[in-house]
Structure formats: structure tokens, C-alpha cells
N, C-alpha and C. Protein backbone atom coordinates (compact mmCIF):
# COMPACT_ATOMS: atom_id res chain seq x y z
N MET A 1 -128.89 46.44 -55.11
CA MET A 1 -129.37 47.14 -54.23
C MET A 1 -130.08 45.85 -53.05
N ARG A 2 -130.41 45.08 -53.36
CA ARG A 2 -131.32 44.20 -52.33
C ARG A 2 -130.12 43.51 -51.53
N VAL A 3 -128.57 43.25 -52.00
CA VAL A 3 -127.73 42.68 -51.26
C VAL A 3 -127.20 43.65 -50.26
N ALA A 4 -127.33 45.07 -50.54
CA ALA A 4 -127.00 46.59 -49.88
C ALA A 4 -128.16 46.39 -48.39
N SER A 5 -129.31 46.18 -48.86
CA SER A 5 -130.17 46.65 -48.01
C SER A 5 -130.31 45.28 -46.69
N ALA A 6 -130.27 44.21 -47.49
CA ALA A 6 -130.06 43.20 -46.45
C ALA A 6 -128.99 43.10 -45.54
N LEU A 7 -127.86 43.77 -46.06
CA LEU A 7 -126.27 43.59 -45.11
C LEU A 7 -126.94 44.91 -43.76
N TRP A 8 -127.58 46.03 -44.14
CA TRP A 8 -128.05 47.15 -43.24
C TRP A 8 -128.82 46.32 -42.35
N THR A 9 -130.10 45.60 -42.80
CA THR A 9 -130.73 45.10 -41.83
C THR A 9 -130.33 44.28 -41.00
N ARG A 10 -129.30 43.54 -41.36
CA ARG A 10 -128.62 42.18 -40.17
C ARG A 10 -127.82 42.91 -39.11
N GLY A 11 -127.22 44.10 -39.65
CA GLY A 11 -126.42 44.80 -38.75
C GLY A 11 -126.82 45.53 -37.50
N ASN A 12 -128.18 45.89 -37.65
CA ASN A 12 -128.83 46.61 -36.43
C ASN A 12 -130.38 45.61 -35.99
N PRO A 13 -129.92 44.73 -35.11
CA PRO A 13 -130.95 43.83 -34.57
C PRO A 13 -132.02 44.82 -34.02
N LYS A 14 -133.23 44.37 -33.82
CA LYS A 14 -134.13 45.10 -33.11
C LYS A 14 -134.22 44.40 -31.87
N GLU A 15 -133.87 43.58 -31.62
CA GLU A 15 -134.31 43.13 -30.03
C GLU A 15 -132.64 43.20 -29.69
N PRO A 16 -132.17 43.18 -28.45
CA PRO A 16 -130.78 43.27 -27.93
C PRO A 16 -130.28 42.10 -27.86
N VAL A 17 -129.05 41.54 -28.13
CA VAL A 17 -128.46 40.31 -27.75
C VAL A 17 -127.95 40.10 -26.33
N PRO A 18 -128.59 38.92 -25.69
CA PRO A 18 -128.52 38.81 -24.39
C PRO A 18 -126.83 38.29 -24.04
N PHE A 19 -126.24 38.52 -22.78
CA PHE A 19 -124.91 38.58 -22.27
C PHE A 19 -124.79 36.98 -22.01
N GLN A 20 -123.64 36.35 -22.52
CA GLN A 20 -123.71 35.31 -21.87
C GLN A 20 -121.88 35.05 -21.39
N GLU A 21 -122.19 34.60 -20.05
CA GLU A 21 -120.82 34.69 -19.26
C GLU A 21 -120.20 33.60 -19.97
N LEU A 22 -119.03 33.63 -20.62
CA LEU A 22 -118.25 32.37 -21.00
C LEU A 22 -117.15 31.97 -19.72
N LEU A 23 -116.28 33.17 -19.54
CA LEU A 23 -115.50 33.23 -18.55
C LEU A 23 -115.72 34.04 -17.40
N PRO A 24 -115.29 33.70 -16.43
CA PRO A 24 -115.62 34.44 -15.05
C PRO A 24 -115.12 36.19 -15.17
N LEU A 25 -115.86 37.13 -14.88
CA LEU A 25 -115.58 38.33 -15.27
C LEU A 25 -114.56 38.89 -13.91
N LYS A 26 -113.52 38.24 -13.53
CA LYS A 26 -112.49 38.94 -12.73
C LYS A 26 -111.14 38.77 -13.34
N LEU A 27 -110.20 39.80 -12.60
CA LEU A 27 -108.89 39.92 -13.13
C LEU A 27 -108.12 38.56 -12.42
N ARG A 28 -106.95 38.20 -13.28
CA ARG A 28 -106.23 36.97 -12.70
C ARG A 28 -105.10 38.03 -11.89
N ASN A 29 -104.33 37.03 -11.00
CA ASN A 29 -103.67 37.68 -9.69
C ASN A 29 -102.41 37.97 -10.50
N SER A 30 -101.99 37.65 -11.87
CA SER A 30 -100.62 38.04 -12.56
C SER A 30 -100.89 38.35 -13.74
N VAL A 31 -100.01 38.63 -14.49
CA VAL A 31 -100.11 39.15 -16.15
C VAL A 31 -98.62 38.05 -16.64
N SER A 32 -98.52 38.11 -17.68
CA SER A 32 -97.64 37.01 -18.45
C SER A 32 -96.54 38.50 -18.99
N GLY A 33 -95.46 37.96 -19.18
CA GLY A 33 -94.38 38.99 -19.42
C GLY A 33 -93.91 38.69 -20.79
N LYS A 34 -94.88 38.54 -21.69
CA LYS A 34 -94.37 38.03 -23.13
C LYS A 34 -94.48 39.77 -24.05
N GLY A 35 -94.95 40.54 -23.68
CA GLY A 35 -95.33 41.78 -24.21
C GLY A 35 -94.00 42.83 -23.96
N ASP A 36 -93.48 42.50 -22.66
CA ASP A 36 -92.50 43.35 -22.30
C ASP A 36 -91.04 42.96 -22.56
N LYS A 37 -90.81 43.86 -23.65
CA LYS A 37 -89.47 43.56 -24.73
C LYS A 37 -88.43 44.52 -24.15
N THR A 38 -88.63 45.05 -23.07
CA THR A 38 -87.61 46.35 -22.97
C THR A 38 -86.04 45.38 -22.31
N THR A 39 -84.83 46.02 -22.83
CA THR A 39 -83.71 45.48 -22.57
C THR A 39 -82.88 46.49 -22.16
N GLU A 40 -82.03 46.21 -21.75
CA GLU A 40 -80.58 47.26 -20.91
C GLU A 40 -79.90 47.62 -22.43
N GLN A 41 -79.90 49.01 -22.75
CA GLN A 41 -79.22 49.25 -24.12
C GLN A 41 -77.69 49.74 -23.59
N SER A 42 -77.47 49.98 -22.51
CA SER A 42 -76.20 49.96 -22.19
C SER A 42 -75.30 48.60 -22.24
N LEU A 43 -75.80 47.49 -22.24
CA LEU A 43 -75.21 46.33 -22.30
C LEU A 43 -75.03 46.16 -23.73
N CYS A 44 -75.75 46.71 -24.81
CA CYS A 44 -75.39 46.40 -26.23
C CYS A 44 -74.98 47.29 -26.80
N SER A 45 -74.29 48.45 -26.09
CA SER A 45 -73.80 49.51 -27.16
C SER A 45 -73.16 49.30 -28.32
N LYS A 46 -72.08 48.68 -28.12
CA LYS A 46 -71.00 48.43 -29.08
C LYS A 46 -72.22 47.59 -30.28
N GLU A 47 -73.00 46.79 -30.06
CA GLU A 47 -73.96 46.32 -31.36
C GLU A 47 -74.79 47.24 -31.95
N ILE A 48 -75.46 48.10 -30.85
CA ILE A 48 -75.98 49.33 -31.69
C ILE A 48 -75.27 50.21 -32.54
N GLU A 49 -74.19 50.47 -31.67
CA GLU A 49 -73.24 51.38 -32.50
C GLU A 49 -72.72 50.89 -34.04
N SER A 50 -72.43 49.57 -33.94
CA SER A 50 -71.91 48.77 -35.28
C SER A 50 -73.01 48.88 -36.06
N PHE A 51 -74.19 48.58 -35.73
CA PHE A 51 -75.58 48.47 -36.61
C PHE A 51 -76.13 49.53 -37.11
N GLN A 52 -75.63 50.97 -36.49
CA GLN A 52 -76.10 52.26 -37.07
C GLN A 52 -75.30 52.40 -37.93
N LYS A 53 -73.76 52.30 -37.67
CA LYS A 53 -72.70 52.43 -38.60
C LYS A 53 -72.84 51.80 -39.99
N CYS A 54 -73.55 50.29 -39.83
CA CYS A 54 -73.42 49.62 -41.23
C CYS A 54 -74.65 50.41 -41.65
N TYR A 55 -75.71 50.85 -41.27
CA TYR A 55 -76.91 51.38 -41.93
C TYR A 55 -76.53 52.35 -42.55
N LYS A 56 -75.89 53.52 -41.92
CA LYS A 56 -75.40 54.75 -42.43
C LYS A 56 -74.77 54.24 -43.75
N ASP A 57 -73.63 53.36 -43.72
CA ASP A 57 -73.19 52.98 -44.74
C ASP A 57 -74.04 52.16 -46.13
N HIS A 58 -75.07 51.55 -45.49
CA HIS A 58 -75.62 51.03 -46.76
C HIS A 58 -76.59 52.24 -47.27
N THR A 59 -77.15 53.13 -46.50
CA THR A 59 -77.94 54.29 -46.99
C THR A 59 -77.28 54.97 -47.92
N VAL A 60 -75.84 55.24 -47.52
CA VAL A 60 -74.92 55.92 -48.90
C VAL A 60 -74.86 55.49 -49.77
N ARG A 61 -74.38 53.94 -49.63
CA ARG A 61 -74.08 53.30 -50.85
C ARG A 61 -75.48 53.34 -52.02
N LYS A 62 -76.51 52.87 -51.08
CA LYS A 62 -77.99 52.70 -51.96
C LYS A 62 -78.52 54.14 -52.99
N SER A 63 -77.82 55.28 -51.96
CA SER A 63 -78.21 56.68 -52.53
C SER A 63 -77.16 57.11 -53.91
N LEU A 64 -75.96 56.59 -53.61
CA LEU A 64 -75.05 56.60 -54.90
C LEU A 64 -75.55 55.80 -56.11
N LYS A 65 -76.37 54.37 -55.77
CA LYS A 65 -76.54 53.65 -56.95
C LYS A 65 -77.49 54.06 -57.43
N GLU A 66 -78.45 54.59 -56.77
CA GLU A 66 -79.66 55.09 -57.50
C GLU A 66 -79.40 56.48 -57.85
N ALA A 67 -78.46 57.28 -57.80
CA ALA A 67 -77.87 58.30 -58.38
C ALA A 67 -77.42 57.73 -59.85
N GLN A 68 -76.48 56.59 -59.95
CA GLN A 68 -76.17 56.15 -60.94
C GLN A 68 -76.80 55.52 -61.95
N GLU A 69 -78.18 55.19 -61.43
CA GLU A 69 -79.17 54.36 -62.11
C GLU A 69 -80.04 55.34 -62.56
N ALA A 70 -80.30 56.58 -62.05
CA ALA A 70 -81.29 57.50 -62.55
C ALA A 70 -80.69 58.12 -63.75
N LYS A 71 -79.15 58.23 -63.65
CA LYS A 71 -78.00 58.77 -65.19
C LYS A 71 -77.77 57.97 -66.28
N GLY A 72 -78.00 56.49 -65.74
CA GLY A 72 -77.78 55.42 -66.80
C GLY A 72 -76.58 55.21 -66.89
N ILE A 73 -75.77 55.27 -66.06
CA ILE A 73 -74.30 54.96 -65.75
C ILE A 73 -74.13 53.67 -65.65
N LEU A 74 -73.48 52.96 -66.38
CA LEU A 74 -72.99 51.64 -66.34
C LEU A 74 -72.00 50.94 -65.26
N ILE A 75 -72.20 50.14 -64.50
CA ILE A 75 -71.12 49.56 -63.72
C ILE A 75 -70.56 48.56 -63.89
N PRO A 76 -69.32 48.17 -63.92
CA PRO A 76 -68.90 47.15 -64.34
C PRO A 76 -68.86 45.60 -63.44
N GLY A 77 -69.72 44.67 -63.83
CA GLY A 77 -69.67 43.63 -62.75
C GLY A 77 -71.35 43.26 -62.44
N GLU A 78 -71.94 44.62 -62.65
CA GLU A 78 -73.32 44.97 -61.60
C GLU A 78 -74.46 43.50 -62.40
N LYS A 79 -74.63 42.74 -61.83
CA LYS A 79 -75.47 41.75 -62.15
C LYS A 79 -77.09 42.29 -62.49
N LYS A 80 -77.22 43.38 -61.52
CA LYS A 80 -78.77 43.56 -61.52
C LYS A 80 -78.57 45.27 -62.38
N LEU A 81 -79.49 45.32 -63.52
CA LEU A 81 -79.42 46.72 -63.94
C LEU A 81 -80.73 46.92 -63.99
N SER A 82 -80.50 48.61 -63.84
CA SER A 82 -82.19 49.13 -64.19
C SER A 82 -82.78 49.21 -65.44
N HIS A 83 -83.77 49.80 -65.79
CA HIS A 83 -84.22 49.70 -67.35
C HIS A 83 -83.68 50.77 -67.92
N LYS A 84 -82.82 51.89 -67.14
CA LYS A 84 -82.30 52.98 -67.82
C LYS A 84 -80.87 52.47 -68.33
N GLN A 85 -80.44 51.65 -67.17
CA GLN A 85 -79.07 50.90 -67.62
C GLN A 85 -79.07 49.99 -68.62
N LEU A 86 -80.06 49.17 -68.77
CA LEU A 86 -80.15 47.86 -69.71
C LEU A 86 -80.56 49.02 -71.02
N ASN A 87 -81.38 49.95 -71.22
CA ASN A 87 -81.64 50.50 -72.34
C ASN A 87 -80.18 51.20 -72.87
N LYS A 88 -79.48 51.50 -71.94
CA LYS A 88 -78.13 52.23 -72.53
C LYS A 88 -77.18 51.23 -73.15
N LEU A 89 -77.33 49.88 -72.36
CA LEU A 89 -76.48 49.03 -72.99
C LEU A 89 -76.62 48.15 -74.16
N LEU A 90 -78.28 48.12 -74.59
CA LEU A 90 -78.90 47.78 -75.59
C LEU A 90 -78.47 48.67 -76.54
N SER A 91 -78.51 50.03 -76.44
CA SER A 91 -78.31 50.83 -77.68
C SER A 91 -76.84 51.04 -78.14
N MET A 92 -75.83 50.29 -77.40
CA MET A 92 -74.45 50.06 -77.65
C MET A 92 -74.46 49.32 -78.74
N PHE A 93 -75.23 48.15 -78.55
CA PHE A 93 -74.83 46.89 -79.38
C PHE A 93 -76.06 46.63 -79.60
N PRO A 94 -76.85 47.41 -80.99
CA PRO A 94 -77.96 47.17 -81.48
C PRO A 94 -77.60 46.04 -82.55
N ASN A 95 -79.33 45.37 -82.85
CA ASN A 95 -79.14 44.22 -83.51
C ASN A 95 -79.01 44.77 -85.19
N ILE A 96 -78.65 43.83 -85.86
CA ILE A 96 -78.50 44.12 -87.21
C ILE A 96 -79.33 43.51 -87.91
N LYS A 97 -80.34 44.05 -88.75
CA LYS A 97 -81.42 43.36 -89.39
C LYS A 97 -80.69 43.08 -91.20
């Protein structure tokens, strides 16, 4: 409790902090264009269309794979197996004691 009370007393000073001007308070005559990332999309329409097609194909493949993993269907040659697929594979070949 002492730590919390010490933090509250530091957060609210009794006398205001004096303002110190480190830089002049005036605007510059120009601004940098670093944040302006707008581009003409008509120039890149082929690239945007191919990316959207690729992303759509990816989402379809991903949803099919997730559905197969949820059912526990084994896919031949698959290197990454979900826990359900791995358990099904291990149940097919149990250890003999």
C-alpha cells in the first residue's frame, strides 16, 4: 500500500511545472512527404488483381486444409500434421509391449 500511495503523490505536483521553450514555437515553411504513401492504383491494376486472386486461392486452400485437419483426414506427403491427424496416425500403428 505504501508503494501505491507514493505513486499517487508523485503524479499530482502541488506547484505547476514551469514551461521551458526548447525549440521555437513556430511552424516551418514546408513539411516532409514521408507519411504520404498514396499511389496511383490504375498503374498497378494487374499486380493488385493478381495478388487478390492469389489471396483468394490461399484462403480457399487454407479453409480446405483446416476442414481436413478437423476431421482428422490424413494427407499423403504432408510434413506438418495437426494433433488430430498425428493421433490418428499413431493409433494406426500402436506400440506393442
